[in-house]
Every structure is written in C-alpha cells, then in structure tokens.
Amino acid sequence: MADQHADQLFVEQIVKQIVEKPEEVVVERTVDEMGVLITLRVAKDDMGKIIGKSGQTAKAIRVLLRVIGSKNNSRVNLKIVEPEGSVELEGAQE
C-alpha cells in the first residue's frame, strides 16, 4: 500500500465504508496528459450505494477528489466502471 497516492487511498477508504462487500473494491490510478484518472470497481450489488440517489454520492466523491487534486496541482477524475452483467445506472458518469 506504500505505492498508493493520497487521491487513490482516499477513494478506497471512503468507498469501503459505504459498500457491503469492501473486499471487492478495486481502485486503480493512471496518469496521462489529461491528469489523474481514478478507476473504481465495486461488486454489482454495491453499485447503487456508490452512485446514490440521482448520482449524489458519486458527485460528492468527485467534488472531494477535485479538492485533493487542486491541493496537489493536478486534475483528478473518477471513473466508475459498470460491473459485468449489471443494468446501466443513470447518473453513473458525469
């Protein structure tokens, strides 16, 4: 875990507190010319908890990530990956 960055660790810790299956939370971090991309995968049953009503939970996590990014002079985006076989949820992506 020593190789994790603050933004990646933040998402992992927050999401694991929200979901029913924290062992299935996978957070990946990539950096390119557009900035930092945090990719989040959770269990199919936990997807609704991460998105929240009308996407409010996902939006709140994204706002907090932007604050962390601005503190480190980087642009941080969150991508929530749809689990295999799930029905697409409205508001999952910004």
N, C-alpha and C. Protein backbone atom coordinates (compact mmCIF):
# COMPACT_ATOMS: atom_id res chain seq x y z
N MET A 1 0.81 -1.21 0.00
CA MET A 1 0.00 0.00 0.00
C MET A 1 0.85 1.26 0.00
N ALA A 2 2.15 1.11 0.14
CA ALA A 2 3.03 2.26 0.19
C ALA A 2 3.09 3.01 -1.14
N ASP A 3 2.73 2.32 -2.25
CA ASP A 3 2.79 2.96 -3.55
C ASP A 3 1.51 3.70 -3.92
N GLN A 4 0.53 3.74 -3.04
CA GLN A 4 -0.72 4.44 -3.32
C GLN A 4 -0.57 5.93 -3.05
N HIS A 5 -1.25 6.71 -3.85
CA HIS A 5 -1.25 8.15 -3.70
C HIS A 5 -2.44 8.57 -2.84
N ALA A 6 -2.42 9.79 -2.35
CA ALA A 6 -3.47 10.28 -1.45
C ALA A 6 -4.86 10.21 -2.08
N ASP A 7 -4.97 10.56 -3.37
CA ASP A 7 -6.28 10.52 -4.03
C ASP A 7 -6.81 9.10 -4.16
N GLN A 8 -5.95 8.18 -4.51
CA GLN A 8 -6.35 6.78 -4.65
C GLN A 8 -6.73 6.18 -3.30
N LEU A 9 -5.94 6.46 -2.30
CA LEU A 9 -6.20 5.96 -0.95
C LEU A 9 -7.50 6.54 -0.39
N PHE A 10 -7.75 7.82 -0.66
CA PHE A 10 -8.99 8.46 -0.22
C PHE A 10 -10.22 7.74 -0.78
N VAL A 11 -10.22 7.50 -2.10
CA VAL A 11 -11.37 6.83 -2.74
C VAL A 11 -11.55 5.44 -2.14
N GLU A 12 -10.46 4.71 -2.00
CA GLU A 12 -10.55 3.35 -1.47
C GLU A 12 -11.14 3.33 -0.06
N GLN A 13 -10.65 4.21 0.80
CA GLN A 13 -11.13 4.24 2.18
C GLN A 13 -12.60 4.65 2.27
N ILE A 14 -13.00 5.66 1.53
CA ILE A 14 -14.38 6.14 1.56
C ILE A 14 -15.33 5.06 1.03
N VAL A 15 -15.00 4.50 -0.12
CA VAL A 15 -15.87 3.52 -0.76
C VAL A 15 -16.02 2.26 0.10
N LYS A 16 -14.93 1.81 0.70
CA LYS A 16 -15.00 0.61 1.54
C LYS A 16 -15.92 0.80 2.74
N GLN A 17 -16.10 2.03 3.18
CA GLN A 17 -17.01 2.32 4.29
C GLN A 17 -18.47 2.32 3.85
N ILE A 18 -18.71 2.54 2.56
CA ILE A 18 -20.07 2.66 2.04
C ILE A 18 -20.64 1.30 1.62
N VAL A 19 -19.81 0.46 1.03
CA VAL A 19 -20.29 -0.78 0.41
C VAL A 19 -20.47 -1.93 1.39
N GLU A 20 -21.22 -2.94 0.94
CA GLU A 20 -21.43 -4.15 1.73
C GLU A 20 -20.29 -5.15 1.56
N LYS A 21 -19.61 -5.09 0.41
CA LYS A 21 -18.52 -6.03 0.12
C LYS A 21 -17.21 -5.27 -0.11
N PRO A 22 -16.58 -4.76 0.95
CA PRO A 22 -15.36 -3.96 0.79
C PRO A 22 -14.20 -4.74 0.17
N GLU A 23 -14.22 -6.06 0.30
CA GLU A 23 -13.14 -6.87 -0.27
C GLU A 23 -13.16 -6.87 -1.80
N GLU A 24 -14.28 -6.45 -2.39
CA GLU A 24 -14.39 -6.41 -3.85
C GLU A 24 -14.12 -5.03 -4.44
N VAL A 25 -13.74 -4.08 -3.62
CA VAL A 25 -13.43 -2.73 -4.10
C VAL A 25 -12.04 -2.73 -4.73
N VAL A 26 -11.97 -2.26 -5.97
CA VAL A 26 -10.69 -2.14 -6.68
C VAL A 26 -10.56 -0.70 -7.16
N VAL A 27 -9.47 -0.05 -6.75
CA VAL A 27 -9.21 1.33 -7.14
C VAL A 27 -7.88 1.38 -7.88
N GLU A 28 -7.91 1.84 -9.13
CA GLU A 28 -6.70 1.96 -9.93
C GLU A 28 -6.46 3.43 -10.26
N ARG A 29 -5.19 3.78 -10.41
CA ARG A 29 -4.82 5.17 -10.69
C ARG A 29 -3.92 5.21 -11.91
N THR A 30 -4.29 6.04 -12.88
CA THR A 30 -3.44 6.25 -14.06
C THR A 30 -3.24 7.75 -14.26
N VAL A 31 -2.11 8.09 -14.82
CA VAL A 31 -1.79 9.49 -15.08
C VAL A 31 -1.47 9.64 -16.56
N ASP A 32 -2.06 10.66 -17.20
CA ASP A 32 -1.73 10.97 -18.59
C ASP A 32 -1.74 12.48 -18.77
N GLU A 33 -1.72 12.93 -20.03
CA GLU A 33 -1.67 14.37 -20.29
C GLU A 33 -2.92 15.11 -19.82
N MET A 34 -4.02 14.38 -19.61
CA MET A 34 -5.26 15.00 -19.13
C MET A 34 -5.31 15.12 -17.61
N GLY A 35 -4.42 14.45 -16.92
CA GLY A 35 -4.40 14.49 -15.47
C GLY A 35 -4.45 13.09 -14.88
N VAL A 36 -5.03 12.98 -13.70
CA VAL A 36 -5.10 11.72 -12.98
C VAL A 36 -6.50 11.12 -13.18
N LEU A 37 -6.55 9.83 -13.46
CA LEU A 37 -7.82 9.13 -13.58
C LEU A 37 -7.86 8.03 -12.53
N ILE A 38 -8.84 8.11 -11.64
CA ILE A 38 -9.08 7.08 -10.64
C ILE A 38 -10.21 6.21 -11.18
N THR A 39 -9.94 4.92 -11.35
CA THR A 39 -10.94 3.98 -11.85
C THR A 39 -11.43 3.13 -10.68
N LEU A 40 -12.74 3.09 -10.48
CA LEU A 40 -13.34 2.39 -9.35
C LEU A 40 -14.19 1.23 -9.83
N ARG A 41 -13.97 0.07 -9.24
CA ARG A 41 -14.80 -1.11 -9.49
C ARG A 41 -15.32 -1.62 -8.16
N VAL A 42 -16.61 -1.90 -8.11
CA VAL A 42 -17.23 -2.46 -6.90
C VAL A 42 -18.11 -3.63 -7.30
N ALA A 43 -18.57 -4.39 -6.31
CA ALA A 43 -19.48 -5.50 -6.56
C ALA A 43 -20.77 -4.97 -7.19
N LYS A 44 -21.39 -5.80 -8.00
CA LYS A 44 -22.63 -5.43 -8.70
C LYS A 44 -23.69 -4.93 -7.72
N ASP A 45 -23.83 -5.60 -6.59
CA ASP A 45 -24.84 -5.24 -5.60
C ASP A 45 -24.55 -3.90 -4.92
N ASP A 46 -23.30 -3.46 -4.93
CA ASP A 46 -22.92 -2.22 -4.26
C ASP A 46 -22.96 -0.99 -5.17
N MET A 47 -23.20 -1.20 -6.45
CA MET A 47 -23.15 -0.10 -7.41
C MET A 47 -24.12 1.03 -7.04
N GLY A 48 -25.32 0.68 -6.65
CA GLY A 48 -26.32 1.69 -6.29
C GLY A 48 -25.90 2.53 -5.10
N LYS A 49 -25.20 1.92 -4.16
CA LYS A 49 -24.72 2.67 -2.99
C LYS A 49 -23.67 3.70 -3.38
N ILE A 50 -22.82 3.35 -4.33
CA ILE A 50 -21.76 4.25 -4.77
C ILE A 50 -22.33 5.40 -5.60
N ILE A 51 -23.31 5.10 -6.44
CA ILE A 51 -23.91 6.14 -7.26
C ILE A 51 -24.78 7.05 -6.40
N GLY A 52 -25.61 6.47 -5.55
CA GLY A 52 -26.50 7.25 -4.69
C GLY A 52 -27.72 7.75 -5.45
N LYS A 53 -28.63 8.31 -4.73
CA LYS A 53 -29.86 8.83 -5.33
C LYS A 53 -29.53 9.96 -6.29
N SER A 54 -29.94 9.81 -7.53
CA SER A 54 -29.68 10.79 -8.60
C SER A 54 -28.18 11.08 -8.77
N GLY A 55 -27.34 10.13 -8.40
CA GLY A 55 -25.90 10.30 -8.59
C GLY A 55 -25.23 11.18 -7.55
N GLN A 56 -25.90 11.48 -6.47
CA GLN A 56 -25.37 12.43 -5.49
C GLN A 56 -24.13 11.92 -4.76
N THR A 57 -24.07 10.63 -4.43
CA THR A 57 -22.89 10.10 -3.73
C THR A 57 -21.67 10.16 -4.64
N ALA A 58 -21.83 9.72 -5.88
CA ALA A 58 -20.72 9.76 -6.83
C ALA A 58 -20.27 11.21 -7.06
N LYS A 59 -21.20 12.11 -7.16
CA LYS A 59 -20.88 13.53 -7.36
C LYS A 59 -20.09 14.08 -6.17
N ALA A 60 -20.49 13.71 -4.96
CA ALA A 60 -19.79 14.18 -3.75
C ALA A 60 -18.36 13.66 -3.71
N ILE A 61 -18.16 12.39 -4.07
CA ILE A 61 -16.81 11.83 -4.10
C ILE A 61 -15.97 12.57 -5.13
N ARG A 62 -16.56 12.87 -6.29
CA ARG A 62 -15.82 13.60 -7.34
C ARG A 62 -15.43 15.00 -6.88
N VAL A 63 -16.33 15.68 -6.18
CA VAL A 63 -16.03 17.03 -5.69
C VAL A 63 -14.85 16.97 -4.71
N LEU A 64 -14.89 16.02 -3.79
CA LEU A 64 -13.80 15.90 -2.82
C LEU A 64 -12.49 15.53 -3.49
N LEU A 65 -12.55 14.71 -4.54
CA LEU A 65 -11.34 14.37 -5.29
C LEU A 65 -10.74 15.60 -5.97
N ARG A 66 -11.61 16.47 -6.46
CA ARG A 66 -11.11 17.71 -7.09
C ARG A 66 -10.39 18.59 -6.07
N VAL A 67 -10.88 18.60 -4.85
CA VAL A 67 -10.23 19.38 -3.79
C VAL A 67 -8.84 18.80 -3.52
N ILE A 68 -8.76 17.48 -3.41
CA ILE A 68 -7.46 16.83 -3.19
C ILE A 68 -6.53 17.12 -4.37
N GLY A 69 -7.07 17.05 -5.58
CA GLY A 69 -6.26 17.33 -6.77
C GLY A 69 -5.75 18.75 -6.82
N SER A 70 -6.62 19.69 -6.49
CA SER A 70 -6.18 21.09 -6.53
C SER A 70 -5.11 21.37 -5.48
N LYS A 71 -5.18 20.68 -4.39
CA LYS A 71 -4.16 20.82 -3.34
C LYS A 71 -2.79 20.36 -3.86
N ASN A 72 -2.83 19.38 -4.78
CA ASN A 72 -1.59 18.84 -5.35
C ASN A 72 -1.34 19.34 -6.77
N ASN A 73 -2.06 20.40 -7.18
CA ASN A 73 -1.92 20.99 -8.51
C ASN A 73 -2.10 19.95 -9.62
N SER A 74 -3.10 19.10 -9.49
CA SER A 74 -3.39 18.13 -10.54
C SER A 74 -4.89 18.01 -10.73
N ARG A 75 -5.28 17.60 -11.92
CA ARG A 75 -6.69 17.39 -12.22
C ARG A 75 -6.99 15.91 -11.97
N VAL A 76 -7.96 15.64 -11.10
CA VAL A 76 -8.29 14.26 -10.75
C VAL A 76 -9.73 13.97 -11.16
N ASN A 77 -9.93 12.90 -11.93
CA ASN A 77 -11.26 12.47 -12.36
C ASN A 77 -11.53 11.08 -11.84
N LEU A 78 -12.81 10.78 -11.64
CA LEU A 78 -13.23 9.47 -11.16
C LEU A 78 -14.08 8.79 -12.22
N LYS A 79 -13.71 7.56 -12.57
CA LYS A 79 -14.49 6.74 -13.50
C LYS A 79 -15.01 5.54 -12.71
N ILE A 80 -16.32 5.37 -12.72
CA ILE A 80 -16.94 4.23 -12.04
C ILE A 80 -17.29 3.20 -13.11
N VAL A 81 -16.67 2.04 -13.03
CA VAL A 81 -16.84 1.01 -14.05
C VAL A 81 -18.05 0.14 -13.71
N GLU A 82 -18.92 -0.05 -14.71
CA GLU A 82 -20.10 -0.90 -14.54
C GLU A 82 -19.66 -2.35 -14.37
N PRO A 83 -20.13 -3.03 -13.34
CA PRO A 83 -19.80 -4.45 -13.19
C PRO A 83 -20.41 -5.27 -14.32
N GLU A 84 -19.80 -6.41 -14.63
CA GLU A 84 -20.31 -7.30 -15.67
C GLU A 84 -21.73 -7.72 -15.36
N GLY A 85 -22.59 -7.65 -16.34
CA GLY A 85 -23.96 -8.13 -16.19
C GLY A 85 -24.89 -7.21 -15.43
N SER A 86 -24.46 -5.99 -15.15
CA SER A 86 -25.33 -5.07 -14.41
C SER A 86 -26.14 -4.22 -15.38
N VAL A 87 -27.24 -3.71 -14.89
CA VAL A 87 -28.06 -2.79 -15.67
C VAL A 87 -27.44 -1.42 -15.52
N GLU A 88 -27.31 -0.69 -16.61
CA GLU A 88 -26.67 0.64 -16.55
C GLU A 88 -27.49 1.56 -15.64
N LEU A 89 -26.77 2.23 -14.73
CA LEU A 89 -27.44 3.11 -13.78
C LEU A 89 -27.34 4.54 -14.26
N GLU A 90 -28.42 5.25 -14.18
CA GLU A 90 -28.47 6.65 -14.58
C GLU A 90 -27.66 7.47 -13.59
N GLY A 91 -26.84 8.39 -14.09
CA GLY A 91 -26.05 9.26 -13.22
C GLY A 91 -24.72 8.65 -12.81
N ALA A 92 -24.34 7.52 -13.39
CA ALA A 92 -23.09 6.86 -13.00
C ALA A 92 -21.87 7.65 -13.46
N GLN A 93 -21.96 8.28 -14.60
CA GLN A 93 -20.85 9.06 -15.12
C GLN A 93 -21.23 10.53 -15.17
N GLU A 94 -20.25 11.36 -15.00
CA GLU A 94 -20.51 12.79 -15.06
C GLU A 94 -20.31 13.31 -16.44
